[in-house]
C-alpha atoms as a PDB file:
ATOM      1  CA  LEU A   1     -12.340  -8.897  43.432  1.00  0.00           C
ATOM      2  CA  VAL A   2     -14.145 -11.422  45.636  1.00  0.00           C
ATOM      3  CA  LEU A   3     -15.951 -12.553  42.469  1.00  0.00           C
ATOM      4  CA  LEU A   4     -12.647 -14.033  41.228  1.00  0.00           C
ATOM      5  CA  VAL A   5     -12.536 -16.354  44.186  1.00  0.00           C
ATOM      6  CA  ASP A   6     -16.189 -16.894  45.140  1.00  0.00           C
ATOM      7  CA  ARG A   7     -18.393 -16.174  42.125  1.00  0.00           C
ATOM      8  CA  PRO A   8     -22.037 -17.188  41.750  1.00  0.00           C
ATOM      9  CA  GLU A   9     -22.813 -20.262  39.661  1.00  0.00           C
ATOM     10  CA  THR A  10     -24.512 -17.985  37.117  1.00  0.00           C
ATOM     11  CA  MET A  11     -21.315 -15.979  36.526  1.00  0.00           C
ATOM     12  CA  SER A  12     -18.692 -17.329  34.159  1.00  0.00           C
ATOM     13  CA  ALA A  13     -15.011 -17.058  35.013  1.00  0.00           C
ATOM     14  CA  ALA A  14     -14.621 -14.829  31.944  1.00  0.00           C
ATOM     15  CA  SER A  15     -17.231 -12.417  33.297  1.00  0.00           C
ATOM     16  CA  ALA A  16     -15.517 -12.267  36.695  1.00  0.00           C
ATOM     17  CA  TRP A  17     -12.185 -11.520  35.049  1.00  0.00           C
ATOM     18  CA  ALA A  18     -13.781  -8.913  32.759  1.00  0.00           C
ATOM     19  CA  ALA A  19     -15.294  -7.173  35.764  1.00  0.00           C
ATOM     20  CA  ALA A  20     -11.961  -7.265  37.554  1.00  0.00           C
ATOM     21  CA  ALA A  21     -10.189  -5.824  34.494  1.00  0.00           C
ATOM     22  CA  LEU A  22     -12.722  -3.017  34.216  1.00  0.00           C
ATOM     23  CA  LEU A  23     -12.224  -2.268  37.882  1.00  0.00           C
ATOM     24  CA  ALA A  24      -8.449  -2.162  37.309  1.00  0.00           C
ATOM     25  CA  VAL A  25      -8.885   0.266  34.410  1.00  0.00           C
ATOM     26  CA  ALA A  26     -11.045   2.611  36.508  1.00  0.00           C
ATOM     27  CA  LEU A  27      -8.730   2.496  39.505  1.00  0.00           C
ATOM     28  CA  LEU A  28      -5.477   2.825  37.552  1.00  0.00           C
ATOM     29  CA  SER A  29      -6.913   5.704  35.537  1.00  0.00           C
ATOM     30  CA  THR A  30      -7.911   7.397  38.768  1.00  0.00           C
ATOM     31  CA  ALA A  31      -4.461   6.894  40.331  1.00  0.00           C
ATOM     32  CA  PHE A  32      -2.254   7.681  37.397  1.00  0.00           C
ATOM     33  CA  VAL A  33      -4.313  10.204  35.346  1.00  0.00           C
ATOM     34  CA  GLN A  34      -7.006  11.940  37.361  1.00  0.00           C
ATOM     35  CA  VAL A  35      -5.227  12.361  40.692  1.00  0.00           C
ATOM     36  CA  PRO A  36      -2.174  14.028  39.049  1.00  0.00           C
ATOM     37  CA  LEU A  37      -4.462  16.317  37.069  1.00  0.00           C
ATOM     38  CA  HIS A  38      -6.389  17.269  40.251  1.00  0.00           C
ATOM     39  CA  THR A  39      -3.087  17.918  41.970  1.00  0.00           C
ATOM     40  CA  ARG A  40      -2.118  20.288  39.163  1.00  0.00           C
ATOM     41  CA  LEU A  41      -5.505  22.032  39.482  1.00  0.00           C
ATOM     42  CA  ALA A  42      -4.913  22.481  43.197  1.00  0.00           C
ATOM     43  CA  GLN A  43      -1.965  24.658  42.357  1.00  0.00           C
ATOM     44  CA  GLY A  44      -4.137  26.952  40.300  1.00  0.00           C
ATOM     45  CA  HIS A  45      -6.789  26.913  37.567  1.00  0.00           C
ATOM     46  CA  ASP A  46      -5.635  25.915  34.146  1.00  0.00           C
ATOM     47  CA  ASP A  47      -8.134  25.525  31.347  1.00  0.00           C
ATOM     48  CA  ARG A  48      -5.919  22.992  29.559  1.00  0.00           C
ATOM     49  CA  VAL A  49      -5.801  20.793  32.687  1.00  0.00           C
ATOM     50  CA  VAL A  50      -9.551  21.091  33.108  1.00  0.00           C
ATOM     51  CA  ARG A  51     -10.106  19.936  29.538  1.00  0.00           C
ATOM     52  CA  SER A  52      -7.664  17.008  30.008  1.00  0.00           C
ATOM     53  CA  LEU A  53      -9.435  16.017  33.181  1.00  0.00           C
ATOM     54  CA  ILE A  54     -12.821  16.038  31.507  1.00  0.00           C
ATOM     55  CA  SER A  55     -11.645  14.151  28.392  1.00  0.00           C
ATOM     56  CA  THR A  56      -9.664  11.500  30.278  1.00  0.00           C
ATOM     57  CA  ASN A  57     -12.534  10.966  32.743  1.00  0.00           C
ATOM     58  CA  TRP A  58     -14.409   9.258  29.928  1.00  0.00           C
ATOM     59  CA  VAL A  59     -12.185   6.231  30.357  1.00  0.00           C
ATOM     60  CA  ARG A  60     -13.329   5.851  33.953  1.00  0.00           C
ATOM     61  CA  THR A  61     -16.948   6.529  32.997  1.00  0.00           C
ATOM     62  CA  ALA A  62     -16.861   3.843  30.339  1.00  0.00           C
ATOM     63  CA  ALA A  63     -15.146   1.329  32.603  1.00  0.00           C
ATOM     64  CA  TRP A  64     -17.563   1.871  35.485  1.00  0.00           C
ATOM     65  CA  THR A  65     -20.573   1.775  33.183  1.00  0.00           C
ATOM     66  CA  ALA A  66     -19.419  -1.412  31.396  1.00  0.00           C
ATOM     67  CA  ARG A  67     -18.717  -3.062  34.746  1.00  0.00           C
ATOM     68  CA  ALA A  68     -22.145  -2.069  36.131  1.00  0.00           C
ATOM     69  CA  LEU A  69     -23.911  -3.433  33.019  1.00  0.00           C
ATOM     70  CA  LEU A  70     -21.873  -6.654  33.201  1.00  0.00           C
ATOM     71  CA  LEU A  71     -22.685  -7.228  36.887  1.00  0.00           C
ATOM     72  CA  ALA A  72     -26.342  -6.274  36.325  1.00  0.00           C
ATOM     73  CA  ALA A  73     -26.548  -8.930  33.612  1.00  0.00           C
ATOM     74  CA  VAL A  74     -25.139 -11.444  36.014  1.00  0.00           C
ATOM     75  CA  LEU A  75     -27.699 -10.454  38.658  1.00  0.00           C
ATOM     76  CA  VAL A  76     -30.608 -10.652  36.147  1.00  0.00           C
ATOM     77  CA  SER A  77     -29.513 -14.152  35.069  1.00  0.00           C
ATOM     78  CA  THR A  78     -29.806 -15.522  38.646  1.00  0.00           C
END
């Protein structure tokens, strides 16, 4: 989030906002999807919950991967 306030000259404002949005997607998905699913699993194994956890985790995986690639591109352009 610091990048929104103090970003390098090689990073556009759009890239900083995109990185922040991807961070928000990953964190919100964690808080509102994965944590409740893990809570349900703590009460006992349920194959349906496990499948949901695995399939919904792809949102986080995609967000973190896209954010890493975006920030790597910024680093390479310095």
